[in-house]
Structure formats: C-alpha cells, structure tokens
C-alpha atoms as a PDB file:
ATOM      1  CA  UNK A   1      94.167  93.641 136.355  1.00  0.00           C
ATOM      2  CA  UNK A   2      90.946  95.310 135.263  1.00  0.00           C
ATOM      3  CA  UNK A   3      90.937  96.969 131.845  1.00  0.00           C
ATOM      4  CA  UNK A   4      89.155 100.157 130.816  1.00  0.00           C
ATOM      5  CA  UNK A   5      88.711 101.377 127.229  1.00  0.00           C
ATOM      6  CA  UNK A   6      89.337 105.034 126.515  1.00  0.00           C
ATOM      7  CA  UNK A   7      87.466 106.867 123.819  1.00  0.00           C
ATOM      8  CA  UNK A   8      89.562 109.395 121.922  1.00  0.00           C
ATOM      9  CA  UNK A   9      88.026 112.264 123.899  1.00  0.00           C
ATOM     10  CA  UNK A  10      89.251 110.903 127.241  1.00  0.00           C
ATOM     11  CA  UNK A  11      92.579 109.572 125.931  1.00  0.00           C
ATOM     12  CA  UNK A  12      93.394 113.086 124.765  1.00  0.00           C
ATOM     13  CA  UNK A  13      93.181 114.288 128.379  1.00  0.00           C
ATOM     14  CA  UNK A  14      96.413 112.405 129.094  1.00  0.00           C
ATOM     15  CA  UNK A  15      98.383 114.355 126.465  1.00  0.00           C
ATOM     16  CA  UNK A  16     100.480 117.234 127.808  1.00  0.00           C
ATOM     17  CA  UNK A  17      98.500 119.692 125.657  1.00  0.00           C
ATOM     18  CA  UNK A  18      95.529 119.032 127.956  1.00  0.00           C
ATOM     19  CA  UNK A  19      97.335 118.266 131.206  1.00  0.00           C
ATOM     20  CA  UNK A  20      95.582 121.116 133.021  1.00  0.00           C
ATOM     21  CA  UNK A  21      92.075 119.995 132.027  1.00  0.00           C
ATOM     22  CA  UNK A  22      89.466 119.908 134.802  1.00  0.00           C
ATOM     23  CA  UNK A  23      87.866 116.968 132.996  1.00  0.00           C
ATOM     24  CA  UNK A  24      90.860 114.816 133.887  1.00  0.00           C
ATOM     25  CA  UNK A  25      89.823 114.836 137.555  1.00  0.00           C
ATOM     26  CA  UNK A  26      86.343 113.540 136.662  1.00  0.00           C
ATOM     27  CA  UNK A  27      87.641 110.508 134.774  1.00  0.00           C
ATOM     28  CA  UNK A  28      90.788 109.664 136.745  1.00  0.00           C
ATOM     29  CA  UNK A  29      89.038 107.655 139.503  1.00  0.00           C
ATOM     30  CA  UNK A  30      87.664 105.336 136.814  1.00  0.00           C
ATOM     31  CA  UNK A  31      91.063 104.416 135.376  1.00  0.00           C
ATOM     32  CA  UNK A  32      93.532 104.728 138.241  1.00  0.00           C
ATOM     33  CA  UNK A  33      95.194 101.351 138.873  1.00  0.00           C
ATOM     34  CA  UNK A  34      93.701  99.802 135.730  1.00  0.00           C
ATOM     35  CA  UNK A  35      95.129  98.710 132.397  1.00  0.00           C
ATOM     36  CA  UNK A  36      94.343 101.414 129.846  1.00  0.00           C
ATOM     37  CA  UNK A  37      93.206 100.334 126.393  1.00  0.00           C
ATOM     38  CA  UNK A  38      92.500 102.041 123.081  1.00  0.00           C
ATOM     39  CA  UNK A  39      90.693 100.806 120.018  1.00  0.00           C
ATOM     40  CA  UNK A  40      92.678 100.965 116.789  1.00  0.00           C
ATOM     41  CA  UNK A  41      90.067 103.550 115.770  1.00  0.00           C
ATOM     42  CA  UNK A  42      91.046 105.917 118.590  1.00  0.00           C
ATOM     43  CA  UNK A  43      94.705 105.644 117.613  1.00  0.00           C
ATOM     44  CA  UNK A  44      93.780 106.809 114.108  1.00  0.00           C
ATOM     45  CA  UNK A  45      91.637 109.639 115.487  1.00  0.00           C
ATOM     46  CA  UNK A  46      94.444 110.856 117.778  1.00  0.00           C
ATOM     47  CA  UNK A  47      96.881 110.942 114.863  1.00  0.00           C
ATOM     48  CA  UNK A  48      94.279 112.730 112.769  1.00  0.00           C
ATOM     49  CA  UNK A  49      94.238 115.539 115.351  1.00  0.00           C
ATOM     50  CA  UNK A  50      98.018 115.863 115.034  1.00  0.00           C
ATOM     51  CA  UNK A  51      97.629 116.203 111.264  1.00  0.00           C
ATOM     52  CA  UNK A  52      94.609 118.489 111.382  1.00  0.00           C
ATOM     53  CA  UNK A  53      96.209 120.912 113.825  1.00  0.00           C
ATOM     54  CA  UNK A  54      99.676 120.637 112.292  1.00  0.00           C
ATOM     55  CA  UNK A  55     101.398 119.581 115.498  1.00  0.00           C
ATOM     56  CA  UNK A  56     105.134 119.973 115.648  1.00  0.00           C
ATOM     57  CA  UNK A  57     107.667 117.248 116.259  1.00  0.00           C
ATOM     58  CA  UNK A  58     107.646 117.577 120.062  1.00  0.00           C
ATOM     59  CA  UNK A  59     103.875 117.204 120.329  1.00  0.00           C
ATOM     60  CA  UNK A  60     103.880 114.294 117.883  1.00  0.00           C
ATOM     61  CA  UNK A  61     106.601 112.550 119.872  1.00  0.00           C
ATOM     62  CA  UNK A  62     104.550 113.040 123.038  1.00  0.00           C
ATOM     63  CA  UNK A  63     101.513 111.589 121.286  1.00  0.00           C
ATOM     64  CA  UNK A  64     103.518 108.591 120.119  1.00  0.00           C
ATOM     65  CA  UNK A  65     104.762 108.025 123.675  1.00  0.00           C
ATOM     66  CA  UNK A  66     101.214 108.373 125.040  1.00  0.00           C
ATOM     67  CA  UNK A  67      99.764 105.877 122.567  1.00  0.00           C
ATOM     68  CA  UNK A  68     102.483 103.352 123.381  1.00  0.00           C
ATOM     69  CA  UNK A  69     101.387 103.449 127.042  1.00  0.00           C
ATOM     70  CA  UNK A  70      98.021 101.887 126.104  1.00  0.00           C
ATOM     71  CA  UNK A  71      97.033  98.363 125.234  1.00  0.00           C
ATOM     72  CA  UNK A  72      95.995  98.781 121.591  1.00  0.00           C
ATOM     73  CA  UNK A  73      93.083  96.581 120.546  1.00  0.00           C
ATOM     74  CA  UNK A  74      93.434  95.809 116.827  1.00  0.00           C
ATOM     75  CA  UNK A  75      90.898  95.017 114.159  1.00  0.00           C
ATOM     76  CA  UNK A  76      89.835  91.389 113.932  1.00  0.00           C
ATOM     77  CA  UNK A  77      86.897  89.489 112.386  1.00  0.00           C
ATOM     78  CA  UNK A  78      84.973  88.961 115.687  1.00  0.00           C
ATOM     79  CA  UNK A  79      85.170  92.724 116.254  1.00  0.00           C
ATOM     80  CA  UNK A  80      83.727  93.367 112.790  1.00  0.00           C
ATOM     81  CA  UNK A  81      80.794  91.091 113.604  1.00  0.00           C
ATOM     82  CA  UNK A  82      80.081  92.962 116.841  1.00  0.00           C
ATOM     83  CA  UNK A  83      80.467  96.278 114.964  1.00  0.00           C
ATOM     84  CA  UNK A  84      77.701  95.159 112.582  1.00  0.00           C
ATOM     85  CA  UNK A  85      75.432  94.226 115.492  1.00  0.00           C
ATOM     86  CA  UNK A  86      76.067  97.512 117.344  1.00  0.00           C
ATOM     87  CA  UNK A  87      75.499  99.547 114.168  1.00  0.00           C
ATOM     88  CA  UNK A  88      72.250  97.691 113.475  1.00  0.00           C
ATOM     89  CA  UNK A  89      70.941  98.188 117.014  1.00  0.00           C
ATOM     90  CA  UNK A  90      71.797 101.887 116.980  1.00  0.00           C
ATOM     91  CA  UNK A  91      70.035 102.341 113.633  1.00  0.00           C
ATOM     92  CA  UNK A  92      66.927 100.628 115.001  1.00  0.00           C
ATOM     93  CA  UNK A  93      67.061 103.064 117.925  1.00  0.00           C
ATOM     94  CA  UNK A  94      67.103 105.912 115.430  1.00  0.00           C
ATOM     95  CA  UNK A  95      70.464 107.106 116.804  1.00  0.00           C
ATOM     96  CA  UNK A  96      72.966 105.661 114.377  1.00  0.00           C
ATOM     97  CA  UNK A  97      76.601 105.731 115.483  1.00  0.00           C
ATOM     98  CA  UNK A  98      79.182 107.227 113.207  1.00  0.00           C
ATOM     99  CA  UNK A  99      81.349 104.392 111.897  1.00  0.00           C
ATOM    100  CA  UNK A 100      84.359 105.359 114.041  1.00  0.00           C
ATOM    101  CA  UNK A 101      82.339 105.603 117.239  1.00  0.00           C
ATOM    102  CA  UNK A 102      80.748 102.269 116.429  1.00  0.00           C
ATOM    103  CA  UNK A 103      84.207 100.618 116.257  1.00  0.00           C
ATOM    104  CA  UNK A 104      84.984 101.963 119.717  1.00  0.00           C
ATOM    105  CA  UNK A 105      81.622 100.881 121.153  1.00  0.00           C
ATOM    106  CA  UNK A 106      81.965  97.433 119.556  1.00  0.00           C
ATOM    107  CA  UNK A 107      85.403  97.053 121.133  1.00  0.00           C
ATOM    108  CA  UNK A 108      83.949  97.736 124.585  1.00  0.00           C
ATOM    109  CA  UNK A 109      81.136  95.266 123.958  1.00  0.00           C
ATOM    110  CA  UNK A 110      83.325  92.485 122.536  1.00  0.00           C
ATOM    111  CA  UNK A 111      85.829  92.617 125.376  1.00  0.00           C
ATOM    112  CA  UNK A 112      83.214  93.386 128.052  1.00  0.00           C
ATOM    113  CA  UNK A 113      85.098  96.423 129.337  1.00  0.00           C
ATOM    114  CA  UNK A 114      83.782  99.817 130.404  1.00  0.00           C
ATOM    115  CA  UNK A 115      84.171 102.724 128.004  1.00  0.00           C
ATOM    116  CA  UNK A 116      85.343 106.108 129.301  1.00  0.00           C
ATOM    117  CA  UNK A 117      84.159 108.832 126.952  1.00  0.00           C
ATOM    118  CA  UNK A 118      83.339 112.512 126.950  1.00  0.00           C
ATOM    119  CA  UNK A 119      81.144 112.166 123.880  1.00  0.00           C
ATOM    120  CA  UNK A 120      77.373 112.321 124.369  1.00  0.00           C
ATOM    121  CA  UNK A 121      76.873 110.192 121.262  1.00  0.00           C
ATOM    122  CA  UNK A 122      77.753 107.118 123.343  1.00  0.00           C
ATOM    123  CA  UNK A 123      75.159 107.811 126.013  1.00  0.00           C
ATOM    124  CA  UNK A 124      71.685 106.308 126.399  1.00  0.00           C
ATOM    125  CA  UNK A 125      71.971 103.508 123.887  1.00  0.00           C
ATOM    126  CA  UNK A 126      70.260 100.216 124.601  1.00  0.00           C
ATOM    127  CA  UNK A 127      73.145  98.085 123.380  1.00  0.00           C
ATOM    128  CA  UNK A 128      73.686  94.885 125.360  1.00  0.00           C
ATOM    129  CA  UNK A 129      77.083  94.890 127.029  1.00  0.00           C
ATOM    130  CA  UNK A 130      77.887  98.551 126.410  1.00  0.00           C
ATOM    131  CA  UNK A 131      78.896 100.140 129.716  1.00  0.00           C
ATOM    132  CA  UNK A 132      79.587 103.856 129.311  1.00  0.00           C
ATOM    133  CA  UNK A 133      81.127 106.245 131.828  1.00  0.00           C
ATOM    134  CA  UNK A 134      80.572 109.791 130.593  1.00  0.00           C
ATOM    135  CA  UNK A 135      80.474 113.194 132.259  1.00  0.00           C
ATOM    136  CA  UNK A 136      79.626 115.214 129.155  1.00  0.00           C
ATOM    137  CA  UNK A 137      76.388 116.377 130.796  1.00  0.00           C
ATOM    138  CA  UNK A 138      78.349 117.824 133.753  1.00  0.00           C
ATOM    139  CA  UNK A 139      79.799 120.782 131.872  1.00  0.00           C
END
C-alpha cells in the first residue's frame, strides 16, 4: 500500500475541530486509500496545539485517537543525517527551513514518500527527493 506523509497542517484537517474545512476536499484525493504517516515532529506539534489552546479532555481524546490512526515515523540516526543534508541545502538556497519543518521534509526524503502540506515554507525547494503536494496558493 502506498504511503503519504502528512504535515501537521494537513493532519489537523482530520480532527473533528476542523471537520468542516473546505481544505479537506483539496487534499483528500491525495490520501484516500493510502497509508497515512506522520513524523514524530508532527505528533509533537499537534500536541503543542492542544496545550497552546487549552483543549479540554474530549478534544484531547479525539486528538489521541487521530494520532493513533497514523503510522508514526520515529527519530533514528539515518533520519538525522538526512535532516542535516536538507537543512544545508535549504540554507544554500537562502530559504532555511525551521528545524521542525526540516524534520518533516527529511522524513519525506528518507522514506521517498510524498508530503501533503498546507505550508508554503515547503514549496519551491530544490531538495532531491522532496515531493510536495500543497494547495496553500489556492486560497
């Protein structure tokens, strides 16, 4: 089964708090029938939102259930090596990734899987192996 990596911005569209989002319909054709994956970094970012916005127990339980529906890609040494390469390339481009975004991009590169994101920061990089699907310019 084909795998697709979700950035935090697209993963959040699957939470009930955003179930009526029009963005969901843009991204759904790219993940329907595929194995959904998250970087460990996105898991941390999703939980940060719950903390930042002081979500209640019901919303946190829904988030926990949502996260468990994904294949979670953990940290490992080969991923750190790709992270360093991706960060270096982006710096040479003059468009340095934030560290968290770089972990997500490196995950997509290492595992050779497309990245679904609604974050313009991932677009138009010349990073070998980074395949980005993004509709952020369609708003």
